N, C-alpha and C. Protein backbone atom coordinates (compact mmCIF):
# COMPACT_ATOMS: atom_id res chain seq x y z
N MET A 1 9.05 -14.14 16.63
CA MET A 1 8.50 -13.58 15.34
C MET A 1 7.05 -13.36 15.51
N LYS A 2 6.61 -12.15 15.01
CA LYS A 2 5.17 -12.08 15.36
C LYS A 2 4.29 -12.94 14.34
N SER A 3 2.96 -13.13 14.84
CA SER A 3 2.12 -14.14 14.05
C SER A 3 1.53 -13.13 12.88
N ASN A 4 0.91 -14.02 11.86
CA ASN A 4 0.30 -13.23 10.63
C ASN A 4 -0.80 -12.57 11.27
N ASN A 5 -1.57 -13.19 12.34
CA ASN A 5 -2.73 -12.56 12.95
C ASN A 5 -2.37 -11.07 13.67
N SER A 6 -1.01 -11.08 14.20
CA SER A 6 -0.61 -9.92 14.85
C SER A 6 -0.20 -8.78 13.74
N TYR A 7 0.36 -9.22 12.66
CA TYR A 7 0.55 -8.43 11.67
C TYR A 7 -0.82 -7.84 10.95
N ARG A 8 -1.78 -8.66 11.05
CA ARG A 8 -2.96 -8.28 10.31
C ARG A 8 -3.69 -7.31 11.15
N GLN A 9 -3.54 -7.44 12.53
CA GLN A 9 -4.17 -6.62 13.45
C GLN A 9 -3.48 -5.20 13.43
N THR A 10 -2.04 -5.27 13.35
CA THR A 10 -1.24 -3.95 13.25
C THR A 10 -1.63 -3.19 11.86
N LEU A 11 -1.65 -3.94 10.63
CA LEU A 11 -2.08 -3.24 9.45
C LEU A 11 -3.49 -2.84 9.41
N SER A 12 -4.27 -3.54 10.06
CA SER A 12 -5.73 -3.24 10.06
C SER A 12 -5.95 -1.96 10.67
N GLN A 13 -5.02 -1.90 12.01
CA GLN A 13 -5.15 -0.50 12.66
C GLN A 13 -4.53 0.64 11.88
N ILE A 14 -3.49 0.42 11.18
CA ILE A 14 -2.91 1.53 10.36
C ILE A 14 -3.94 1.99 9.46
N VAL A 15 -4.63 1.01 8.57
CA VAL A 15 -5.63 1.45 7.74
C VAL A 15 -6.69 2.35 8.31
N GLN A 16 -7.19 1.74 9.54
CA GLN A 16 -8.16 2.32 10.26
C GLN A 16 -8.06 3.81 10.75
N ASP A 17 -6.56 3.89 10.98
CA ASP A 17 -6.09 5.16 11.76
C ASP A 17 -5.84 6.24 10.55
N CYS A 18 -6.01 5.88 9.27
CA CYS A 18 -5.62 6.92 8.31
C CYS A 18 -6.60 7.95 8.29
N ARG A 19 -5.99 9.13 8.44
CA ARG A 19 -6.70 10.28 8.40
C ARG A 19 -6.60 11.06 7.13
N CYS A 20 -6.54 10.36 6.03
CA CYS A 20 -6.25 10.83 4.74
C CYS A 20 -7.61 11.62 4.30
N GLN A 21 -7.49 12.73 3.90
CA GLN A 21 -8.59 13.24 3.35
C GLN A 21 -8.45 13.59 1.80
N THR A 22 -9.56 13.62 1.06
CA THR A 22 -9.55 13.80 -0.29
C THR A 22 -8.79 15.31 -0.55
N PRO A 23 -7.86 15.33 -1.21
CA PRO A 23 -7.32 16.61 -1.59
C PRO A 23 -8.41 17.75 -2.08
N THR A 24 -8.15 18.85 -1.38
CA THR A 24 -9.14 19.89 -1.68
C THR A 24 -8.48 20.85 -2.56
N VAL A 25 -9.43 21.56 -3.21
CA VAL A 25 -8.93 22.83 -4.05
C VAL A 25 -8.62 24.02 -3.15
N GLU A 26 -7.26 24.48 -3.21
CA GLU A 26 -6.96 25.50 -2.44
C GLU A 26 -7.27 26.90 -2.97
N GLU A 27 -7.66 27.63 -2.29
CA GLU A 27 -7.98 28.99 -2.63
C GLU A 27 -6.64 29.80 -2.95
N PRO A 28 -6.91 30.67 -3.86
CA PRO A 28 -5.55 31.63 -4.21
C PRO A 28 -5.15 32.22 -2.97
N LEU A 29 -3.92 32.64 -2.88
CA LEU A 29 -3.30 33.36 -1.53
C LEU A 29 -3.99 34.82 -1.77
N PRO A 30 -4.42 35.37 -0.67
CA PRO A 30 -4.69 36.78 -0.66
C PRO A 30 -3.53 37.47 -1.03
N LEU A 31 -3.69 38.78 -1.52
CA LEU A 31 -2.79 39.63 -1.83
C LEU A 31 -2.33 40.35 -0.47
N ALA A 32 -1.05 39.57 0.11
CA ALA A 32 -0.58 40.02 1.37
C ALA A 32 0.88 40.40 1.09
N ASP A 33 1.56 40.66 2.08
CA ASP A 33 2.97 40.85 1.67
C ASP A 33 3.69 39.58 1.40
N TRP A 34 4.80 39.44 0.84
CA TRP A 34 5.57 38.46 0.28
C TRP A 34 6.01 37.54 1.46
N GLU A 35 6.26 38.04 2.75
CA GLU A 35 6.68 37.16 3.73
C GLU A 35 5.45 36.37 4.42
N GLU A 36 4.26 36.89 4.29
CA GLU A 36 2.87 36.20 4.56
C GLU A 36 2.69 35.05 3.60
N GLN A 37 2.88 35.43 2.40
CA GLN A 37 2.58 34.33 1.09
C GLN A 37 3.67 33.28 1.35
N ALA A 38 4.83 33.50 1.56
CA ALA A 38 6.03 32.64 1.66
C ALA A 38 5.56 31.65 2.81
N THR A 39 5.32 32.25 4.07
CA THR A 39 4.82 31.29 5.28
C THR A 39 3.68 30.53 4.56
N GLU A 40 2.64 30.92 4.01
CA GLU A 40 1.40 30.28 3.69
C GLU A 40 1.89 29.01 2.79
N LEU A 41 2.63 29.45 1.73
CA LEU A 41 3.00 28.66 0.87
C LEU A 41 3.82 27.37 1.34
N HIS A 42 4.73 27.68 2.30
CA HIS A 42 5.46 26.67 3.09
C HIS A 42 4.59 25.78 3.68
N ASP A 43 3.56 26.31 4.44
CA ASP A 43 2.66 25.62 5.34
C ASP A 43 1.84 24.56 4.51
N ARG A 44 1.33 25.14 3.17
CA ARG A 44 0.72 24.28 2.34
C ARG A 44 1.62 23.04 1.78
N TYR A 45 2.77 23.40 1.54
CA TYR A 45 3.84 22.36 1.11
C TYR A 45 3.97 21.19 2.12
N VAL A 46 4.15 21.86 3.40
CA VAL A 46 4.44 20.75 4.39
C VAL A 46 3.12 19.97 4.69
N THR A 47 1.92 20.43 4.56
CA THR A 47 0.63 19.89 4.56
C THR A 47 0.52 18.81 3.46
N HIS A 48 0.82 19.20 2.28
CA HIS A 48 0.82 18.26 1.19
C HIS A 48 1.89 16.99 1.32
N ILE A 49 3.06 17.19 1.83
CA ILE A 49 3.97 16.19 1.95
C ILE A 49 3.51 15.21 3.10
N ASP A 50 2.94 15.66 4.12
CA ASP A 50 2.49 15.05 5.20
C ASP A 50 1.36 14.01 4.68
N GLU A 51 0.44 14.65 3.94
CA GLU A 51 -0.73 13.84 3.35
C GLU A 51 -0.36 13.01 2.37
N ASP A 52 0.66 13.22 1.62
CA ASP A 52 1.19 12.14 0.54
C ASP A 52 1.72 10.81 1.41
N ILE A 53 2.52 11.18 2.33
CA ILE A 53 3.04 10.18 3.34
C ILE A 53 2.06 9.30 3.73
N ARG A 54 1.05 9.88 4.41
CA ARG A 54 -0.09 9.08 5.03
C ARG A 54 -0.76 8.33 3.86
N TRP A 55 -1.04 8.85 2.77
CA TRP A 55 -1.73 8.21 1.47
C TRP A 55 -0.90 6.83 1.15
N GLU A 56 0.53 7.19 1.01
CA GLU A 56 1.37 6.03 0.64
C GLU A 56 1.30 4.99 1.83
N THR A 57 1.39 5.30 3.09
CA THR A 57 1.35 4.37 4.06
C THR A 57 0.36 3.44 4.04
N CYS A 58 -0.86 4.22 3.91
CA CYS A 58 -2.26 3.56 4.13
C CYS A 58 -2.24 2.63 2.94
N ALA A 59 -2.15 3.13 1.74
CA ALA A 59 -2.02 2.23 0.54
C ALA A 59 -1.24 0.97 0.57
N ALA A 60 0.04 1.16 1.15
CA ALA A 60 1.08 0.00 1.37
C ALA A 60 0.48 -0.89 2.34
N ALA A 61 -0.29 -0.25 3.30
CA ALA A 61 -0.82 -1.21 4.52
C ALA A 61 -2.03 -2.17 3.78
N ARG A 62 -2.69 -1.30 2.94
CA ARG A 62 -3.93 -2.27 2.24
C ARG A 62 -3.20 -3.45 1.48
N ARG A 63 -2.12 -2.92 0.67
CA ARG A 63 -1.43 -3.89 -0.05
C ARG A 63 -1.06 -5.12 0.70
N ALA A 64 -0.51 -4.77 1.93
CA ALA A 64 0.11 -5.95 2.79
C ALA A 64 -1.03 -6.73 3.26
N LEU A 65 -2.04 -6.12 3.65
CA LEU A 65 -3.30 -7.00 3.90
C LEU A 65 -3.77 -7.88 2.87
N ALA A 66 -3.63 -7.42 1.66
CA ALA A 66 -3.95 -8.33 0.42
C ALA A 66 -3.01 -9.49 0.43
N ARG A 67 -1.65 -9.16 0.92
CA ARG A 67 -0.65 -10.07 0.59
C ARG A 67 -0.92 -11.18 1.79
N LEU A 68 -1.20 -10.79 2.93
CA LEU A 68 -1.55 -11.58 3.88
C LEU A 68 -2.75 -12.68 3.56
N GLN A 69 -3.85 -12.09 2.97
CA GLN A 69 -4.87 -12.79 2.55
C GLN A 69 -4.48 -13.90 1.49
N GLU A 70 -3.50 -13.47 0.70
CA GLU A 70 -3.03 -14.47 -0.31
C GLU A 70 -1.92 -15.38 0.10
N ASP A 71 -1.47 -15.26 1.32
CA ASP A 71 -0.57 -16.15 1.81
C ASP A 71 0.91 -15.82 1.18
N GLU A 72 1.14 -14.44 0.82
CA GLU A 72 2.19 -14.13 0.29
C GLU A 72 3.11 -12.99 0.86
N PHE A 73 2.35 -12.74 2.21
CA PHE A 73 3.14 -11.58 3.17
C PHE A 73 4.35 -12.32 3.77
N GLY A 74 5.45 -11.36 3.84
CA GLY A 74 6.67 -11.82 4.44
C GLY A 74 7.73 -12.23 3.34
N ARG A 75 7.20 -12.22 1.92
CA ARG A 75 8.16 -12.51 1.01
C ARG A 75 8.35 -11.33 0.04
N CYS A 76 9.71 -11.15 -0.35
CA CYS A 76 10.02 -9.90 -1.22
C CYS A 76 9.29 -10.16 -2.49
N ALA A 77 8.87 -9.14 -2.78
CA ALA A 77 7.95 -8.91 -4.12
C ALA A 77 9.04 -9.10 -5.37
N ASP A 78 10.25 -8.71 -5.32
CA ASP A 78 11.19 -8.69 -6.23
C ASP A 78 12.07 -10.18 -6.45
N CYS A 79 12.60 -10.53 -5.27
CA CYS A 79 13.49 -11.59 -5.31
C CYS A 79 12.81 -12.89 -4.61
N GLY A 80 11.71 -12.71 -4.06
CA GLY A 80 10.86 -13.86 -3.49
C GLY A 80 11.52 -14.37 -2.20
N ALA A 81 12.74 -13.69 -1.62
CA ALA A 81 13.15 -14.37 -0.53
C ALA A 81 12.41 -13.70 0.71
N GLU A 82 12.55 -14.61 1.83
CA GLU A 82 11.98 -14.10 3.18
C GLU A 82 12.36 -12.85 3.58
N ILE A 83 11.31 -12.05 4.00
CA ILE A 83 11.67 -10.67 4.67
C ILE A 83 11.92 -10.99 6.26
N SER A 84 13.00 -10.32 6.64
CA SER A 84 13.33 -10.67 8.05
C SER A 84 12.26 -10.16 8.85
N PRO A 85 12.10 -10.90 10.04
CA PRO A 85 11.13 -10.65 11.13
C PRO A 85 11.31 -9.15 11.72
N GLN A 86 12.68 -8.86 11.78
CA GLN A 86 12.95 -7.47 12.36
C GLN A 86 12.61 -6.26 11.36
N ARG A 87 12.60 -6.54 10.02
CA ARG A 87 12.10 -5.63 9.19
C ARG A 87 10.72 -5.60 9.15
N LEU A 88 10.00 -6.58 9.17
CA LEU A 88 8.54 -6.56 9.30
C LEU A 88 7.98 -6.05 10.45
N THR A 89 8.56 -6.20 11.56
CA THR A 89 8.25 -5.46 12.75
C THR A 89 8.29 -4.03 12.73
N ALA A 90 9.52 -3.57 12.07
CA ALA A 90 9.81 -2.15 11.98
C ALA A 90 8.67 -1.51 10.86
N VAL A 91 8.50 -2.20 9.79
CA VAL A 91 7.81 -1.65 8.53
C VAL A 91 6.93 -2.81 8.16
N PRO A 92 5.85 -3.19 8.82
CA PRO A 92 5.06 -4.13 8.45
C PRO A 92 4.39 -4.28 7.15
N TRP A 93 4.35 -2.89 6.51
CA TRP A 93 3.87 -2.78 5.01
C TRP A 93 4.74 -3.00 4.05
N THR A 94 5.98 -3.30 4.40
CA THR A 94 7.13 -3.47 3.60
C THR A 94 6.94 -4.56 2.49
N GLU A 95 7.08 -4.28 1.12
CA GLU A 95 7.15 -5.26 -0.01
C GLU A 95 8.30 -6.07 -0.28
N ARG A 96 9.47 -5.45 0.19
CA ARG A 96 10.85 -5.96 -0.27
C ARG A 96 11.75 -6.07 0.89
N CYS A 97 12.59 -6.99 0.60
CA CYS A 97 13.73 -7.23 1.59
C CYS A 97 14.68 -5.98 1.53
N VAL A 98 15.42 -5.96 2.51
CA VAL A 98 16.31 -4.86 2.43
C VAL A 98 17.43 -4.79 1.37
N ARG A 99 17.84 -5.80 0.75
CA ARG A 99 18.60 -5.84 -0.21
C ARG A 99 18.01 -5.39 -1.55
N CYS A 100 16.81 -5.65 -1.80
CA CYS A 100 15.92 -5.41 -2.89
C CYS A 100 15.51 -3.84 -2.85
N GLN A 101 15.19 -3.37 -1.55
CA GLN A 101 14.79 -2.10 -1.21
C GLN A 101 16.00 -1.16 -1.56
N THR A 102 17.11 -1.51 -1.16
CA THR A 102 18.40 -0.72 -1.42
C THR A 102 18.68 -0.71 -2.76
N LEU A 103 18.51 -1.73 -3.63
CA LEU A 103 18.81 -1.54 -4.97
C LEU A 103 17.86 -0.68 -5.66
N LEU A 104 16.55 -0.76 -5.28
CA LEU A 104 15.29 0.13 -5.84
C LEU A 104 15.68 1.59 -5.46
N GLU A 105 16.13 1.78 -4.34
CA GLU A 105 16.58 3.19 -4.18
C GLU A 105 17.78 3.65 -4.66
N ARG A 106 18.84 2.88 -5.05
CA ARG A 106 19.90 3.40 -5.74
C ARG A 106 19.49 3.64 -7.37
N GLU A 107 18.56 2.92 -7.84
CA GLU A 107 18.37 3.07 -9.09
C GLU A 107 17.38 4.34 -9.25
N ALA A 108 16.72 4.62 -8.23
CA ALA A 108 15.84 5.82 -8.28
C ALA A 108 16.72 7.08 -8.09
N ALA A 109 17.93 6.92 -7.51
CA ALA A 109 18.67 8.12 -7.10
C ALA A 109 19.39 8.76 -8.50
């Protein structure tokens, strides 16, 4: 199992590497043909999704660093059970054990 120091280093690197930028106001699409507009709108959509994922991952890594500071890292935020080392290695910013995450995702569906 990785040490808390190793997780701290990994999470700190994730936060440091965040290339999240403040959302910018987009200019209206120029009057082009509909195919060009569709391509541009798709590109903007993909960019927004990518930025959202980066923001969420960065925020989750910051929360995980706070849990490390508070000695709560590695415990499920819902049930309090220990999160498996394999899960923490794969997703060090996770807040929930597999069981609770699965339940949360099922409820959201």
